[in-house]
Amino acid sequence: SARFKAWVDLAGTLVFALPFCAVV
């Protein structure tokens, strides 16, 4: 569902993508 995708996207962004960008 769109809500599940939103949760996955939000969690993935906060836990992986944004910290990864900061570290790079």
mmCIF file of all heavy atoms, coordinates in Angstrom:
data_MODEL
# 
_entry.id   MODEL 
# 
loop_
_atom_site.group_PDB 
_atom_site.id 
_atom_site.type_symbol 
_atom_site.label_atom_id 
_atom_site.label_alt_id 
_atom_site.label_comp_id 
_atom_site.label_asym_id 
_atom_site.label_entity_id 
_atom_site.label_seq_id 
_atom_site.pdbx_PDB_ins_code 
_atom_site.Cartn_x 
_atom_site.Cartn_y 
_atom_site.Cartn_z 
_atom_site.occupancy 
_atom_site.B_iso_or_equiv 
_atom_site.pdbx_formal_charge 
_atom_site.auth_seq_id 
_atom_site.auth_comp_id 
_atom_site.auth_asym_id 
_atom_site.auth_atom_id 
_atom_site.pdbx_PDB_model_num 
ATOM 1   N N   . SER A 1 1  ? 0.847  -1.199 0.000  1.00 0.00 ? 1  SER A N   1 
ATOM 2   C CA  . SER A 1 1  ? 0.000  0.000  0.000  1.00 0.00 ? 1  SER A CA  1 
ATOM 3   C C   . SER A 1 1  ? 0.885  1.253  0.000  1.00 0.00 ? 1  SER A C   1 
ATOM 4   O O   . SER A 1 1  ? 2.075  1.194  0.332  1.00 0.00 ? 1  SER A O   1 
ATOM 5   C CB  . SER A 1 1  ? -0.887 0.012  1.245  1.00 0.00 ? 1  SER A CB  1 
ATOM 6   O OG  . SER A 1 1  ? -0.093 0.242  2.400  1.00 0.00 ? 1  SER A OG  1 
ATOM 7   N N   . ALA A 1 2  ? 0.283  2.376  -0.330 1.00 0.00 ? 2  ALA A N   1 
ATOM 8   C CA  . ALA A 1 2  ? 1.014  3.642  -0.367 1.00 0.00 ? 2  ALA A CA  1 
ATOM 9   C C   . ALA A 1 2  ? 1.546  4.003  1.026  1.00 0.00 ? 2  ALA A C   1 
ATOM 10  O O   . ALA A 1 2  ? 2.655  4.526  1.155  1.00 0.00 ? 2  ALA A O   1 
ATOM 11  C CB  . ALA A 1 2  ? 0.119  4.746  -0.895 1.00 0.00 ? 2  ALA A CB  1 
ATOM 12  N N   . ARG A 1 3  ? 0.780  3.721  2.068  1.00 0.00 ? 3  ARG A N   1 
ATOM 13  C CA  . ARG A 1 3  ? 1.238  4.023  3.427  1.00 0.00 ? 3  ARG A CA  1 
ATOM 14  C C   . ARG A 1 3  ? 2.435  3.155  3.820  1.00 0.00 ? 3  ARG A C   1 
ATOM 15  O O   . ARG A 1 3  ? 3.378  3.652  4.427  1.00 0.00 ? 3  ARG A O   1 
ATOM 16  C CB  . ARG A 1 3  ? 0.097  3.835  4.433  1.00 0.00 ? 3  ARG A CB  1 
ATOM 17  C CG  . ARG A 1 3  ? -0.954 4.926  4.319  1.00 0.00 ? 3  ARG A CG  1 
ATOM 18  C CD  . ARG A 1 3  ? -2.003 4.843  5.416  1.00 0.00 ? 3  ARG A CD  1 
ATOM 19  N NE  . ARG A 1 3  ? -1.500 5.058  6.760  1.00 0.00 ? 3  ARG A NE  1 
ATOM 20  C CZ  . ARG A 1 3  ? -1.183 6.245  7.278  1.00 0.00 ? 3  ARG A CZ  1 
ATOM 21  N NH1 . ARG A 1 3  ? -1.292 7.327  6.542  1.00 0.00 ? 3  ARG A NH1 1 
ATOM 22  N NH2 . ARG A 1 3  ? -0.759 6.352  8.518  1.00 0.00 ? 3  ARG A NH2 1 
ATOM 23  N N   . PHE A 1 4  ? 2.404  1.877  3.459  1.00 0.00 ? 4  PHE A N   1 
ATOM 24  C CA  . PHE A 1 4  ? 3.541  0.999  3.764  1.00 0.00 ? 4  PHE A CA  1 
ATOM 25  C C   . PHE A 1 4  ? 4.781  1.487  3.020  1.00 0.00 ? 4  PHE A C   1 
ATOM 26  O O   . PHE A 1 4  ? 5.867  1.566  3.592  1.00 0.00 ? 4  PHE A O   1 
ATOM 27  C CB  . PHE A 1 4  ? 3.210  -0.449 3.377  1.00 0.00 ? 4  PHE A CB  1 
ATOM 28  C CG  . PHE A 1 4  ? 4.342  -1.399 3.632  1.00 0.00 ? 4  PHE A CG  1 
ATOM 29  C CD1 . PHE A 1 4  ? 4.561  -1.909 4.908  1.00 0.00 ? 4  PHE A CD1 1 
ATOM 30  C CD2 . PHE A 1 4  ? 5.195  -1.788 2.606  1.00 0.00 ? 4  PHE A CD2 1 
ATOM 31  C CE1 . PHE A 1 4  ? 5.611  -2.789 5.151  1.00 0.00 ? 4  PHE A CE1 1 
ATOM 32  C CE2 . PHE A 1 4  ? 6.245  -2.659 2.848  1.00 0.00 ? 4  PHE A CE2 1 
ATOM 33  C CZ  . PHE A 1 4  ? 6.457  -3.163 4.126  1.00 0.00 ? 4  PHE A CZ  1 
ATOM 34  N N   . LYS A 1 5  ? 4.618  1.837  1.747  1.00 0.00 ? 5  LYS A N   1 
ATOM 35  C CA  . LYS A 1 5  ? 5.742  2.362  0.959  1.00 0.00 ? 5  LYS A CA  1 
ATOM 36  C C   . LYS A 1 5  ? 6.292  3.639  1.585  1.00 0.00 ? 5  LYS A C   1 
ATOM 37  O O   . LYS A 1 5  ? 7.503  3.841  1.641  1.00 0.00 ? 5  LYS A O   1 
ATOM 38  C CB  . LYS A 1 5  ? 5.311  2.624  -0.478 1.00 0.00 ? 5  LYS A CB  1 
ATOM 39  C CG  . LYS A 1 5  ? 5.091  1.373  -1.290 1.00 0.00 ? 5  LYS A CG  1 
ATOM 40  C CD  . LYS A 1 5  ? 4.648  1.723  -2.700 1.00 0.00 ? 5  LYS A CD  1 
ATOM 41  C CE  . LYS A 1 5  ? 4.426  0.467  -3.526 1.00 0.00 ? 5  LYS A CE  1 
ATOM 42  N NZ  . LYS A 1 5  ? 3.988  0.780  -4.893 1.00 0.00 ? 5  LYS A NZ  1 
ATOM 43  N N   . ALA A 1 6  ? 5.391  4.490  2.059  1.00 0.00 ? 6  ALA A N   1 
ATOM 44  C CA  . ALA A 1 6  ? 5.828  5.733  2.692  1.00 0.00 ? 6  ALA A CA  1 
ATOM 45  C C   . ALA A 1 6  ? 6.642  5.444  3.955  1.00 0.00 ? 6  ALA A C   1 
ATOM 46  O O   . ALA A 1 6  ? 7.666  6.084  4.201  1.00 0.00 ? 6  ALA A O   1 
ATOM 47  C CB  . ALA A 1 6  ? 4.624  6.610  3.012  1.00 0.00 ? 6  ALA A CB  1 
ATOM 48  N N   . TRP A 1 7  ? 6.200  4.464  4.762  1.00 0.00 ? 7  TRP A N   1 
ATOM 49  C CA  . TRP A 1 7  ? 6.954  4.080  5.961  1.00 0.00 ? 7  TRP A CA  1 
ATOM 50  C C   . TRP A 1 7  ? 8.335  3.532  5.588  1.00 0.00 ? 7  TRP A C   1 
ATOM 51  O O   . TRP A 1 7  ? 9.338  3.884  6.210  1.00 0.00 ? 7  TRP A O   1 
ATOM 52  C CB  . TRP A 1 7  ? 6.194  3.042  6.795  1.00 0.00 ? 7  TRP A CB  1 
ATOM 53  C CG  . TRP A 1 7  ? 5.185  3.638  7.716  1.00 0.00 ? 7  TRP A CG  1 
ATOM 54  C CD1 . TRP A 1 7  ? 3.829  3.492  7.658  1.00 0.00 ? 7  TRP A CD1 1 
ATOM 55  C CD2 . TRP A 1 7  ? 5.442  4.485  8.836  1.00 0.00 ? 7  TRP A CD2 1 
ATOM 56  N NE1 . TRP A 1 7  ? 3.228  4.194  8.663  1.00 0.00 ? 7  TRP A NE1 1 
ATOM 57  C CE2 . TRP A 1 7  ? 4.202  4.825  9.416  1.00 0.00 ? 7  TRP A CE2 1 
ATOM 58  C CE3 . TRP A 1 7  ? 6.603  5.010  9.400  1.00 0.00 ? 7  TRP A CE3 1 
ATOM 59  C CZ2 . TRP A 1 7  ? 4.090  5.650  10.530 1.00 0.00 ? 7  TRP A CZ2 1 
ATOM 60  C CZ3 . TRP A 1 7  ? 6.492  5.829  10.519 1.00 0.00 ? 7  TRP A CZ3 1 
ATOM 61  C CH2 . TRP A 1 7  ? 5.254  6.140  11.063 1.00 0.00 ? 7  TRP A CH2 1 
ATOM 62  N N   . VAL A 1 8  ? 8.367  2.669  4.584  1.00 0.00 ? 8  VAL A N   1 
ATOM 63  C CA  . VAL A 1 8  ? 9.648  2.089  4.148  1.00 0.00 ? 8  VAL A CA  1 
ATOM 64  C C   . VAL A 1 8  ? 10.569 3.184  3.625  1.00 0.00 ? 8  VAL A C   1 
ATOM 65  O O   . VAL A 1 8  ? 11.756 3.231  3.970  1.00 0.00 ? 8  VAL A O   1 
ATOM 66  C CB  . VAL A 1 8  ? 9.416  0.998  3.078  1.00 0.00 ? 8  VAL A CB  1 
ATOM 67  C CG1 . VAL A 1 8  ? 10.724 0.572  2.433  1.00 0.00 ? 8  VAL A CG1 1 
ATOM 68  C CG2 . VAL A 1 8  ? 8.710  -0.207 3.686  1.00 0.00 ? 8  VAL A CG2 1 
ATOM 69  N N   . ASP A 1 9  ? 10.036 4.069  2.798  1.00 0.00 ? 9  ASP A N   1 
ATOM 70  C CA  . ASP A 1 9  ? 10.845 5.157  2.247  1.00 0.00 ? 9  ASP A CA  1 
ATOM 71  C C   . ASP A 1 9  ? 11.359 6.083  3.342  1.00 0.00 ? 9  ASP A C   1 
ATOM 72  O O   . ASP A 1 9  ? 12.526 6.485  3.340  1.00 0.00 ? 9  ASP A O   1 
ATOM 73  C CB  . ASP A 1 9  ? 10.052 5.961  1.214  1.00 0.00 ? 9  ASP A CB  1 
ATOM 74  C CG  . ASP A 1 9  ? 9.799  5.185  -0.065 1.00 0.00 ? 9  ASP A CG  1 
ATOM 75  O OD1 . ASP A 1 9  ? 10.508 4.186  -0.315 1.00 0.00 ? 9  ASP A OD1 1 
ATOM 76  O OD2 . ASP A 1 9  ? 8.896  5.586  -0.825 1.00 0.00 ? 9  ASP A OD2 1 
ATOM 77  N N   . LEU A 1 10 ? 10.491 6.417  4.283  1.00 0.00 ? 10 LEU A N   1 
ATOM 78  C CA  . LEU A 1 10 ? 10.887 7.302  5.383  1.00 0.00 ? 10 LEU A CA  1 
ATOM 79  C C   . LEU A 1 10 ? 11.963 6.648  6.241  1.00 0.00 ? 10 LEU A C   1 
ATOM 80  O O   . LEU A 1 10 ? 12.994 7.266  6.536  1.00 0.00 ? 10 LEU A O   1 
ATOM 81  C CB  . LEU A 1 10 ? 9.669  7.675  6.227  1.00 0.00 ? 10 LEU A CB  1 
ATOM 82  C CG  . LEU A 1 10 ? 9.932  8.630  7.390  1.00 0.00 ? 10 LEU A CG  1 
ATOM 83  C CD1 . LEU A 1 10 ? 10.511 9.952  6.898  1.00 0.00 ? 10 LEU A CD1 1 
ATOM 84  C CD2 . LEU A 1 10 ? 8.650  8.853  8.184  1.00 0.00 ? 10 LEU A CD2 1 
ATOM 85  N N   . ALA A 1 11 ? 11.739 5.405  6.617  1.00 0.00 ? 11 ALA A N   1 
ATOM 86  C CA  . ALA A 1 11 ? 12.720 4.706  7.457  1.00 0.00 ? 11 ALA A CA  1 
ATOM 87  C C   . ALA A 1 11 ? 14.051 4.536  6.715  1.00 0.00 ? 11 ALA A C   1 
ATOM 88  O O   . ALA A 1 11 ? 15.120 4.796  7.280  1.00 0.00 ? 11 ALA A O   1 
ATOM 89  C CB  . ALA A 1 11 ? 12.174 3.344  7.881  1.00 0.00 ? 11 ALA A CB  1 
ATOM 90  N N   . GLY A 1 12 ? 13.982 4.127  5.456  1.00 0.00 ? 12 GLY A N   1 
ATOM 91  C CA  . GLY A 1 12 ? 15.207 3.948  4.679  1.00 0.00 ? 12 GLY A CA  1 
ATOM 92  C C   . GLY A 1 12 ? 15.979 5.239  4.508  1.00 0.00 ? 12 GLY A C   1 
ATOM 93  O O   . GLY A 1 12 ? 17.222 5.264  4.573  1.00 0.00 ? 12 GLY A O   1 
ATOM 94  N N   . THR A 1 13 ? 15.253 6.311  4.323  1.00 0.00 ? 13 THR A N   1 
ATOM 95  C CA  . THR A 1 13 ? 15.900 7.614  4.158  1.00 0.00 ? 13 THR A CA  1 
ATOM 96  C C   . THR A 1 13 ? 16.558 8.074  5.454  1.00 0.00 ? 13 THR A C   1 
ATOM 97  O O   . THR A 1 13 ? 17.712 8.509  5.449  1.00 0.00 ? 13 THR A O   1 
ATOM 98  C CB  . THR A 1 13 ? 14.863 8.659  3.690  1.00 0.00 ? 13 THR A CB  1 
ATOM 99  O OG1 . THR A 1 13 ? 14.333 8.237  2.436  1.00 0.00 ? 13 THR A OG1 1 
ATOM 100 C CG2 . THR A 1 13 ? 15.489 10.020 3.528  1.00 0.00 ? 13 THR A CG2 1 
ATOM 101 N N   . LEU A 1 14 ? 15.814 7.969  6.560  1.00 0.00 ? 14 LEU A N   1 
ATOM 102 C CA  . LEU A 1 14 ? 16.349 8.443  7.842  1.00 0.00 ? 14 LEU A CA  1 
ATOM 103 C C   . LEU A 1 14 ? 17.468 7.567  8.382  1.00 0.00 ? 14 LEU A C   1 
ATOM 104 O O   . LEU A 1 14 ? 18.421 8.061  8.982  1.00 0.00 ? 14 LEU A O   1 
ATOM 105 C CB  . LEU A 1 14 ? 15.220 8.543  8.872  1.00 0.00 ? 14 LEU A CB  1 
ATOM 106 C CG  . LEU A 1 14 ? 14.131 9.579  8.569  1.00 0.00 ? 14 LEU A CG  1 
ATOM 107 C CD1 . LEU A 1 14 ? 13.033 9.516  9.620  1.00 0.00 ? 14 LEU A CD1 1 
ATOM 108 C CD2 . LEU A 1 14 ? 14.714 10.976 8.454  1.00 0.00 ? 14 LEU A CD2 1 
ATOM 109 N N   . VAL A 1 15 ? 17.360 6.260  8.156  1.00 0.00 ? 15 VAL A N   1 
ATOM 110 C CA  . VAL A 1 15 ? 18.342 5.333  8.725  1.00 0.00 ? 15 VAL A CA  1 
ATOM 111 C C   . VAL A 1 15 ? 19.555 5.136  7.818  1.00 0.00 ? 15 VAL A C   1 
ATOM 112 O O   . VAL A 1 15 ? 20.681 4.999  8.299  1.00 0.00 ? 15 VAL A O   1 
ATOM 113 C CB  . VAL A 1 15 ? 17.680 3.967  9.033  1.00 0.00 ? 15 VAL A CB  1 
ATOM 114 C CG1 . VAL A 1 15 ? 18.706 2.937  9.467  1.00 0.00 ? 15 VAL A CG1 1 
ATOM 115 C CG2 . VAL A 1 15 ? 16.608 4.135  10.098 1.00 0.00 ? 15 VAL A CG2 1 
ATOM 116 N N   . PHE A 1 16 ? 19.334 5.155  6.511  1.00 0.00 ? 16 PHE A N   1 
ATOM 117 C CA  . PHE A 1 16 ? 20.428 4.849  5.590  1.00 0.00 ? 16 PHE A CA  1 
ATOM 118 C C   . PHE A 1 16 ? 20.872 6.036  4.723  1.00 0.00 ? 16 PHE A C   1 
ATOM 119 O O   . PHE A 1 16 ? 22.041 6.415  4.734  1.00 0.00 ? 16 PHE A O   1 
ATOM 120 C CB  . PHE A 1 16 ? 20.050 3.676  4.676  1.00 0.00 ? 16 PHE A CB  1 
ATOM 121 C CG  . PHE A 1 16 ? 19.803 2.403  5.419  1.00 0.00 ? 16 PHE A CG  1 
ATOM 122 C CD1 . PHE A 1 16 ? 18.532 1.871  5.505  1.00 0.00 ? 16 PHE A CD1 1 
ATOM 123 C CD2 . PHE A 1 16 ? 20.834 1.734  6.054  1.00 0.00 ? 16 PHE A CD2 1 
ATOM 124 C CE1 . PHE A 1 16 ? 18.289 0.703  6.193  1.00 0.00 ? 16 PHE A CE1 1 
ATOM 125 C CE2 . PHE A 1 16 ? 20.617 0.566  6.758  1.00 0.00 ? 16 PHE A CE2 1 
ATOM 126 C CZ  . PHE A 1 16 ? 19.333 0.042  6.828  1.00 0.00 ? 16 PHE A CZ  1 
ATOM 127 N N   . ALA A 1 17 ? 19.960 6.594  3.942  1.00 0.00 ? 17 ALA A N   1 
ATOM 128 C CA  . ALA A 1 17 ? 20.356 7.565  2.915  1.00 0.00 ? 17 ALA A CA  1 
ATOM 129 C C   . ALA A 1 17 ? 20.943 8.850  3.493  1.00 0.00 ? 17 ALA A C   1 
ATOM 130 O O   . ALA A 1 17 ? 22.038 9.273  3.089  1.00 0.00 ? 17 ALA A O   1 
ATOM 131 C CB  . ALA A 1 17 ? 19.168 7.877  2.008  1.00 0.00 ? 17 ALA A CB  1 
ATOM 132 N N   . LEU A 1 18 ? 20.223 9.497  4.396  1.00 0.00 ? 18 LEU A N   1 
ATOM 133 C CA  . LEU A 1 18 ? 20.721 10.770 4.933  1.00 0.00 ? 18 LEU A CA  1 
ATOM 134 C C   . LEU A 1 18 ? 22.027 10.602 5.723  1.00 0.00 ? 18 LEU A C   1 
ATOM 135 O O   . LEU A 1 18 ? 22.968 11.375 5.506  1.00 0.00 ? 18 LEU A O   1 
ATOM 136 C CB  . LEU A 1 18 ? 19.635 11.459 5.767  1.00 0.00 ? 18 LEU A CB  1 
ATOM 137 C CG  . LEU A 1 18 ? 18.413 11.936 4.959  1.00 0.00 ? 18 LEU A CG  1 
ATOM 138 C CD1 . LEU A 1 18 ? 17.346 12.498 5.890  1.00 0.00 ? 18 LEU A CD1 1 
ATOM 139 C CD2 . LEU A 1 18 ? 18.798 12.941 3.903  1.00 0.00 ? 18 LEU A CD2 1 
ATOM 140 N N   . PRO A 1 19 ? 22.131 9.603  6.615  1.00 0.00 ? 19 PRO A N   1 
ATOM 141 C CA  . PRO A 1 19 ? 23.427 9.405  7.285  1.00 0.00 ? 19 PRO A CA  1 
ATOM 142 C C   . PRO A 1 19 ? 24.552 9.067  6.303  1.00 0.00 ? 19 PRO A C   1 
ATOM 143 O O   . PRO A 1 19 ? 25.683 9.527  6.467  1.00 0.00 ? 19 PRO A O   1 
ATOM 144 C CB  . PRO A 1 19 ? 23.171 8.242  8.246  1.00 0.00 ? 19 PRO A CB  1 
ATOM 145 C CG  . PRO A 1 19 ? 21.703 8.263  8.484  1.00 0.00 ? 19 PRO A CG  1 
ATOM 146 C CD  . PRO A 1 19 ? 21.089 8.732  7.191  1.00 0.00 ? 19 PRO A CD  1 
ATOM 147 N N   . PHE A 1 20 ? 24.236 8.263  5.273  1.00 0.00 ? 20 PHE A N   1 
ATOM 148 C CA  . PHE A 1 20 ? 25.243 7.926  4.272  1.00 0.00 ? 20 PHE A CA  1 
ATOM 149 C C   . PHE A 1 20 ? 25.757 9.193  3.586  1.00 0.00 ? 20 PHE A C   1 
ATOM 150 O O   . PHE A 1 20 ? 26.967 9.369  3.410  1.00 0.00 ? 20 PHE A O   1 
ATOM 151 C CB  . PHE A 1 20 ? 24.662 6.954  3.242  1.00 0.00 ? 20 PHE A CB  1 
ATOM 152 C CG  . PHE A 1 20 ? 25.549 6.716  2.058  1.00 0.00 ? 20 PHE A CG  1 
ATOM 153 C CD1 . PHE A 1 20 ? 26.676 5.918  2.165  1.00 0.00 ? 20 PHE A CD1 1 
ATOM 154 C CD2 . PHE A 1 20 ? 25.269 7.302  0.830  1.00 0.00 ? 20 PHE A CD2 1 
ATOM 155 C CE1 . PHE A 1 20 ? 27.509 5.707  1.078  1.00 0.00 ? 20 PHE A CE1 1 
ATOM 156 C CE2 . PHE A 1 20 ? 26.090 7.094  -0.266 1.00 0.00 ? 20 PHE A CE2 1 
ATOM 157 C CZ  . PHE A 1 20 ? 27.213 6.297  -0.140 1.00 0.00 ? 20 PHE A CZ  1 
ATOM 158 N N   . CYS A 1 21 ? 24.856 10.072 3.205  1.00 0.00 ? 21 CYS A N   1 
ATOM 159 C CA  . CYS A 1 21 ? 25.254 11.318 2.547  1.00 0.00 ? 21 CYS A CA  1 
ATOM 160 C C   . CYS A 1 21 ? 26.132 12.160 3.467  1.00 0.00 ? 21 CYS A C   1 
ATOM 161 O O   . CYS A 1 21 ? 27.124 12.754 3.018  1.00 0.00 ? 21 CYS A O   1 
ATOM 162 C CB  . CYS A 1 21 ? 24.026 12.120 2.119  1.00 0.00 ? 21 CYS A CB  1 
ATOM 163 S SG  . CYS A 1 21 ? 23.080 11.337 0.801  1.00 0.00 ? 21 CYS A SG  1 
ATOM 164 N N   . ALA A 1 22 ? 25.780 12.212 4.733  1.00 0.00 ? 22 ALA A N   1 
ATOM 165 C CA  . ALA A 1 22 ? 26.580 12.974 5.698  1.00 0.00 ? 22 ALA A CA  1 
ATOM 166 C C   . ALA A 1 22 ? 27.976 12.387 5.842  1.00 0.00 ? 22 ALA A C   1 
ATOM 167 O O   . ALA A 1 22 ? 28.971 13.121 5.852  1.00 0.00 ? 22 ALA A O   1 
ATOM 168 C CB  . ALA A 1 22 ? 25.868 13.015 7.047  1.00 0.00 ? 22 ALA A CB  1 
ATOM 169 N N   . VAL A 1 23 ? 28.059 11.074 5.915  1.00 0.00 ? 23 VAL A N   1 
ATOM 170 C CA  . VAL A 1 23 ? 29.368 10.421 6.042  1.00 0.00 ? 23 VAL A CA  1 
ATOM 171 C C   . VAL A 1 23 ? 30.211 10.659 4.787  1.00 0.00 ? 23 VAL A C   1 
ATOM 172 O O   . VAL A 1 23 ? 31.409 10.969 4.882  1.00 0.00 ? 23 VAL A O   1 
ATOM 173 C CB  . VAL A 1 23 ? 29.207 8.908  6.325  1.00 0.00 ? 23 VAL A CB  1 
ATOM 174 C CG1 . VAL A 1 23 ? 30.518 8.167  6.148  1.00 0.00 ? 23 VAL A CG1 1 
ATOM 175 C CG2 . VAL A 1 23 ? 28.653 8.686  7.722  1.00 0.00 ? 23 VAL A CG2 1 
ATOM 176 N N   . VAL A 1 24 ? 29.594 10.536 3.617  1.00 0.00 ? 24 VAL A N   1 
ATOM 177 C CA  . VAL A 1 24 ? 30.336 10.783 2.373  1.00 0.00 ? 24 VAL A CA  1 
ATOM 178 C C   . VAL A 1 24 ? 30.860 12.221 2.360  1.00 0.00 ? 24 VAL A C   1 
ATOM 179 O O   . VAL A 1 24 ? 32.031 12.464 2.052  1.00 0.00 ? 24 VAL A O   1 
ATOM 180 C CB  . VAL A 1 24 ? 29.459 10.512 1.126  1.00 0.00 ? 24 VAL A CB  1 
ATOM 181 C CG1 . VAL A 1 24 ? 30.121 11.033 -0.138 1.00 0.00 ? 24 VAL A CG1 1 
ATOM 182 C CG2 . VAL A 1 24 ? 29.166 9.024  0.992  1.00 0.00 ? 24 VAL A CG2 1 
# 
